[in-house]
C-alpha atoms as a PDB file:
ATOM      1  CA  UNK A   1      -8.789  73.137  48.476  1.00  0.00           C
ATOM      2  CA  UNK A   2     -11.051  70.860  50.504  1.00  0.00           C
ATOM      3  CA  UNK A   3     -12.821  69.539  47.376  1.00  0.00           C
ATOM      4  CA  UNK A   4      -9.446  68.688  45.788  1.00  0.00           C
ATOM      5  CA  UNK A   5      -8.420  66.760  48.888  1.00  0.00           C
ATOM      6  CA  UNK A   6     -11.735  64.879  48.871  1.00  0.00           C
ATOM      7  CA  UNK A   7     -11.368  64.097  45.159  1.00  0.00           C
ATOM      8  CA  UNK A   8      -7.962  62.544  45.749  1.00  0.00           C
ATOM      9  CA  UNK A   9      -9.288  60.241  48.473  1.00  0.00           C
ATOM     10  CA  UNK A  10      -9.974  56.695  47.250  1.00  0.00           C
ATOM     11  CA  UNK A  11     -13.677  55.833  47.095  1.00  0.00           C
ATOM     12  CA  UNK A  12     -15.200  53.981  50.034  1.00  0.00           C
ATOM     13  CA  UNK A  13     -17.833  51.235  49.879  1.00  0.00           C
ATOM     14  CA  UNK A  14     -20.987  52.743  51.368  1.00  0.00           C
ATOM     15  CA  UNK A  15     -23.475  49.961  50.663  1.00  0.00           C
ATOM     16  CA  UNK A  16     -23.487  46.292  49.675  1.00  0.00           C
ATOM     17  CA  UNK A  17     -26.546  44.819  48.016  1.00  0.00           C
ATOM     18  CA  UNK A  18     -27.128  41.097  47.439  1.00  0.00           C
ATOM     19  CA  UNK A  19     -29.571  40.449  44.595  1.00  0.00           C
ATOM     20  CA  UNK A  20     -30.773  36.880  44.301  1.00  0.00           C
ATOM     21  CA  UNK A  21     -32.004  35.420  41.030  1.00  0.00           C
ATOM     22  CA  UNK A  22     -34.615  32.660  40.903  1.00  0.00           C
ATOM     23  CA  UNK A  23     -36.073  31.787  44.276  1.00  0.00           C
ATOM     24  CA  UNK A  24     -36.194  29.671  46.399  1.00  0.00           C
ATOM     25  CA  UNK A  25     -32.641  29.936  47.658  1.00  0.00           C
ATOM     26  CA  UNK A  26     -30.937  27.635  50.144  1.00  0.00           C
ATOM     27  CA  UNK A  27     -28.056  29.843  51.264  1.00  0.00           C
ATOM     28  CA  UNK A  28     -29.142  32.766  53.416  1.00  0.00           C
ATOM     29  CA  UNK A  29     -28.177  36.338  52.639  1.00  0.00           C
ATOM     30  CA  UNK A  30     -26.429  36.409  56.021  1.00  0.00           C
ATOM     31  CA  UNK A  31     -24.225  33.463  54.978  1.00  0.00           C
ATOM     32  CA  UNK A  32     -23.413  35.218  51.712  1.00  0.00           C
ATOM     33  CA  UNK A  33     -22.542  38.497  53.439  1.00  0.00           C
ATOM     34  CA  UNK A  34     -20.387  36.723  56.046  1.00  0.00           C
ATOM     35  CA  UNK A  35     -18.189  35.325  53.287  1.00  0.00           C
ATOM     36  CA  UNK A  36     -17.642  38.618  51.431  1.00  0.00           C
ATOM     37  CA  UNK A  37     -14.217  40.178  51.643  1.00  0.00           C
ATOM     38  CA  UNK A  38     -15.643  43.564  50.630  1.00  0.00           C
ATOM     39  CA  UNK A  39     -17.033  45.425  53.653  1.00  0.00           C
ATOM     40  CA  UNK A  40     -18.962  48.663  54.101  1.00  0.00           C
ATOM     41  CA  UNK A  41     -16.569  51.425  55.097  1.00  0.00           C
ATOM     42  CA  UNK A  42     -13.564  49.833  53.377  1.00  0.00           C
ATOM     43  CA  UNK A  43     -11.784  51.416  50.441  1.00  0.00           C
ATOM     44  CA  UNK A  44     -13.312  50.194  47.177  1.00  0.00           C
ATOM     45  CA  UNK A  45     -10.975  47.561  45.723  1.00  0.00           C
ATOM     46  CA  UNK A  46     -11.876  45.723  42.473  1.00  0.00           C
ATOM     47  CA  UNK A  47      -9.397  42.949  43.376  1.00  0.00           C
ATOM     48  CA  UNK A  48     -11.422  42.176  46.512  1.00  0.00           C
ATOM     49  CA  UNK A  49     -14.546  41.896  44.363  1.00  0.00           C
ATOM     50  CA  UNK A  50     -12.716  39.500  42.007  1.00  0.00           C
ATOM     51  CA  UNK A  51     -11.721  37.411  45.024  1.00  0.00           C
ATOM     52  CA  UNK A  52     -15.350  37.292  46.186  1.00  0.00           C
ATOM     53  CA  UNK A  53     -16.509  36.144  42.729  1.00  0.00           C
ATOM     54  CA  UNK A  54     -13.862  33.384  42.666  1.00  0.00           C
ATOM     55  CA  UNK A  55     -14.944  32.302  46.160  1.00  0.00           C
ATOM     56  CA  UNK A  56     -18.597  32.151  45.048  1.00  0.00           C
ATOM     57  CA  UNK A  57     -17.670  30.080  42.000  1.00  0.00           C
ATOM     58  CA  UNK A  58     -15.353  27.818  43.976  1.00  0.00           C
ATOM     59  CA  UNK A  59     -18.005  27.071  46.591  1.00  0.00           C
ATOM     60  CA  UNK A  60     -19.936  24.871  44.169  1.00  0.00           C
ATOM     61  CA  UNK A  61     -23.261  26.427  45.229  1.00  0.00           C
ATOM     62  CA  UNK A  62     -23.649  29.120  42.555  1.00  0.00           C
ATOM     63  CA  UNK A  63     -24.215  28.812  38.836  1.00  0.00           C
ATOM     64  CA  UNK A  64     -24.042  32.545  38.108  1.00  0.00           C
ATOM     65  CA  UNK A  65     -22.342  35.450  39.870  1.00  0.00           C
ATOM     66  CA  UNK A  66     -22.160  39.013  38.626  1.00  0.00           C
ATOM     67  CA  UNK A  67     -21.116  42.189  40.377  1.00  0.00           C
ATOM     68  CA  UNK A  68     -22.054  45.723  39.491  1.00  0.00           C
ATOM     69  CA  UNK A  69     -21.006  48.897  41.222  1.00  0.00           C
ATOM     70  CA  UNK A  70     -22.063  52.491  41.008  1.00  0.00           C
ATOM     71  CA  UNK A  71     -20.508  55.617  42.419  1.00  0.00           C
ATOM     72  CA  UNK A  72     -22.615  58.043  44.402  1.00  0.00           C
ATOM     73  CA  UNK A  73     -21.679  61.241  46.185  1.00  0.00           C
ATOM     74  CA  UNK A  74     -21.206  59.188  49.359  1.00  0.00           C
ATOM     75  CA  UNK A  75     -19.101  56.433  47.818  1.00  0.00           C
ATOM     76  CA  UNK A  76     -19.493  53.138  45.963  1.00  0.00           C
ATOM     77  CA  UNK A  77     -22.531  50.864  46.048  1.00  0.00           C
ATOM     78  CA  UNK A  78     -21.599  47.246  45.254  1.00  0.00           C
ATOM     79  CA  UNK A  79     -24.290  44.819  44.075  1.00  0.00           C
ATOM     80  CA  UNK A  80     -23.579  41.070  44.108  1.00  0.00           C
ATOM     81  CA  UNK A  81     -26.034  39.335  41.771  1.00  0.00           C
ATOM     82  CA  UNK A  82     -26.076  35.613  42.559  1.00  0.00           C
ATOM     83  CA  UNK A  83     -27.958  32.585  41.303  1.00  0.00           C
ATOM     84  CA  UNK A  84     -27.630  29.343  43.214  1.00  0.00           C
ATOM     85  CA  UNK A  85     -27.428  26.029  41.446  1.00  0.00           C
ATOM     86  CA  UNK A  86     -30.670  24.073  41.502  1.00  0.00           C
ATOM     87  CA  UNK A  87     -30.954  21.280  44.056  1.00  0.00           C
ATOM     88  CA  UNK A  88     -30.601  17.774  42.612  1.00  0.00           C
ATOM     89  CA  UNK A  89     -33.903  16.097  43.464  1.00  0.00           C
ATOM     90  CA  UNK A  90     -33.595  12.875  41.494  1.00  0.00           C
ATOM     91  CA  UNK A  91     -31.220  10.591  39.602  1.00  0.00           C
ATOM     92  CA  UNK A  92     -32.490   8.054  37.082  1.00  0.00           C
ATOM     93  CA  UNK A  93     -30.848   5.506  34.802  1.00  0.00           C
ATOM     94  CA  UNK A  94     -32.174   4.565  31.357  1.00  0.00           C
ATOM     95  CA  UNK A  95     -31.043   1.686  29.162  1.00  0.00           C
ATOM     96  CA  UNK A  96     -29.177  -0.261  31.855  1.00  0.00           C
ATOM     97  CA  UNK A  97     -29.961  -3.982  31.721  1.00  0.00           C
ATOM     98  CA  UNK A  98     -26.488  -5.299  32.643  1.00  0.00           C
ATOM     99  CA  UNK A  99     -26.159  -3.250  35.857  1.00  0.00           C
ATOM    100  CA  UNK A 100     -28.754  -2.426  38.510  1.00  0.00           C
ATOM    101  CA  UNK A 101     -29.519   1.197  39.307  1.00  0.00           C
ATOM    102  CA  UNK A 102     -28.559   0.633  42.958  1.00  0.00           C
ATOM    103  CA  UNK A 103     -25.080  -0.526  41.910  1.00  0.00           C
ATOM    104  CA  UNK A 104     -24.638   2.434  39.569  1.00  0.00           C
ATOM    105  CA  UNK A 105     -25.851   4.887  42.217  1.00  0.00           C
ATOM    106  CA  UNK A 106     -23.105   3.754  44.595  1.00  0.00           C
ATOM    107  CA  UNK A 107     -20.300   4.971  42.316  1.00  0.00           C
ATOM    108  CA  UNK A 108     -21.777   8.431  41.718  1.00  0.00           C
ATOM    109  CA  UNK A 109     -20.310  11.558  43.283  1.00  0.00           C
ATOM    110  CA  UNK A 110     -23.611  13.348  42.582  1.00  0.00           C
ATOM    111  CA  UNK A 111     -26.085  13.007  45.436  1.00  0.00           C
ATOM    112  CA  UNK A 112     -29.769  13.858  45.723  1.00  0.00           C
ATOM    113  CA  UNK A 113     -30.217  16.925  47.917  1.00  0.00           C
ATOM    114  CA  UNK A 114     -26.923  18.529  46.874  1.00  0.00           C
ATOM    115  CA  UNK A 115     -26.451  21.264  44.252  1.00  0.00           C
ATOM    116  CA  UNK A 116     -26.821  20.019  40.685  1.00  0.00           C
ATOM    117  CA  UNK A 117     -23.281  20.152  39.308  1.00  0.00           C
ATOM    118  CA  UNK A 118     -22.885  19.476  35.577  1.00  0.00           C
ATOM    119  CA  UNK A 119     -19.139  18.835  35.869  1.00  0.00           C
ATOM    120  CA  UNK A 120     -19.797  16.212  38.537  1.00  0.00           C
ATOM    121  CA  UNK A 121     -22.531  14.616  36.387  1.00  0.00           C
ATOM    122  CA  UNK A 122     -20.132  14.464  33.440  1.00  0.00           C
ATOM    123  CA  UNK A 123     -17.528  12.738  35.629  1.00  0.00           C
ATOM    124  CA  UNK A 124     -20.191  10.348  36.933  1.00  0.00           C
ATOM    125  CA  UNK A 125     -21.117   9.385  33.353  1.00  0.00           C
ATOM    126  CA  UNK A 126     -17.427   8.650  32.724  1.00  0.00           C
ATOM    127  CA  UNK A 127     -17.282   6.479  35.876  1.00  0.00           C
ATOM    128  CA  UNK A 128     -20.319   4.471  34.728  1.00  0.00           C
ATOM    129  CA  UNK A 129     -18.750   3.968  31.306  1.00  0.00           C
ATOM    130  CA  UNK A 130     -15.474   2.801  32.941  1.00  0.00           C
ATOM    131  CA  UNK A 131     -17.417   0.326  35.107  1.00  0.00           C
ATOM    132  CA  UNK A 132     -18.976  -1.187  31.989  1.00  0.00           C
ATOM    133  CA  UNK A 133     -15.588  -1.295  30.243  1.00  0.00           C
ATOM    134  CA  UNK A 134     -14.006  -3.111  33.212  1.00  0.00           C
ATOM    135  CA  UNK A 135     -16.940  -5.548  33.182  1.00  0.00           C
ATOM    136  CA  UNK A 136     -16.351  -6.579  29.564  1.00  0.00           C
ATOM    137  CA  UNK A 137     -18.706  -4.164  27.780  1.00  0.00           C
ATOM    138  CA  UNK A 138     -16.262  -1.933  25.859  1.00  0.00           C
ATOM    139  CA  UNK A 139     -18.844  -0.451  23.487  1.00  0.00           C
ATOM    140  CA  UNK A 140     -21.101   0.972  26.176  1.00  0.00           C
ATOM    141  CA  UNK A 141     -21.800   4.696  25.843  1.00  0.00           C
ATOM    142  CA  UNK A 142     -23.062   6.833  28.712  1.00  0.00           C
ATOM    143  CA  UNK A 143     -24.277  10.407  28.737  1.00  0.00           C
ATOM    144  CA  UNK A 144     -26.566  12.388  30.974  1.00  0.00           C
ATOM    145  CA  UNK A 145     -29.491  14.748  30.545  1.00  0.00           C
ATOM    146  CA  UNK A 146     -30.702  17.328  33.028  1.00  0.00           C
ATOM    147  CA  UNK A 147     -34.231  18.567  33.537  1.00  0.00           C
ATOM    148  CA  UNK A 148     -34.388  21.753  35.625  1.00  0.00           C
ATOM    149  CA  UNK A 149     -37.376  23.549  37.094  1.00  0.00           C
ATOM    150  CA  UNK A 150     -35.879  27.065  37.248  1.00  0.00           C
ATOM    151  CA  UNK A 151     -38.744  28.520  39.263  1.00  0.00           C
ATOM    152  CA  UNK A 152     -38.580  25.745  41.849  1.00  0.00           C
ATOM    153  CA  UNK A 153     -34.786  25.686  41.978  1.00  0.00           C
ATOM    154  CA  UNK A 154     -34.758  21.916  41.457  1.00  0.00           C
ATOM    155  CA  UNK A 155     -33.392  19.549  38.855  1.00  0.00           C
ATOM    156  CA  UNK A 156     -33.203  15.887  37.961  1.00  0.00           C
ATOM    157  CA  UNK A 157     -30.504  13.981  36.101  1.00  0.00           C
ATOM    158  CA  UNK A 158     -30.921  10.929  33.883  1.00  0.00           C
ATOM    159  CA  UNK A 159     -27.969   8.807  32.845  1.00  0.00           C
ATOM    160  CA  UNK A 160     -28.657   7.360  29.412  1.00  0.00           C
ATOM    161  CA  UNK A 161     -26.770   4.096  28.903  1.00  0.00           C
ATOM    162  CA  UNK A 162     -26.373   2.334  25.559  1.00  0.00           C
ATOM    163  CA  UNK A 163     -25.011  -1.099  26.439  1.00  0.00           C
END
């Protein structure tokens, strides 16, 4: 009878592992663990894991988050596999003769030293194109290219401007 009672008990999280992909990392494992809603000793709840993944993605610091779990005799082992976004180490402009790089840099949301965020870079390219449009250059096209050193965890962005 005891084994049937144990089998009906919901599984408990017995261990949490944080696996980091591509070093170096900026965010410490302690910071990651502090922000997890899943805790050792708690009943295993897939919804809590989903919440953690959404929180990782919403933070803007991670480009990839996966979670695996395995059941042991003692309970469930949860493994958060995280990859931080590379750090933006440089921003260049190519093809801009009508506007100085310093002026263009001022309107960017992307900043050197912050995580490289492709959505933000896309929006920055749109802002540059709007600036040219407002300045009487309606045919200007702007896109960006990213060069990432995966092993170093760093990346540079170049805004290519066709005036």
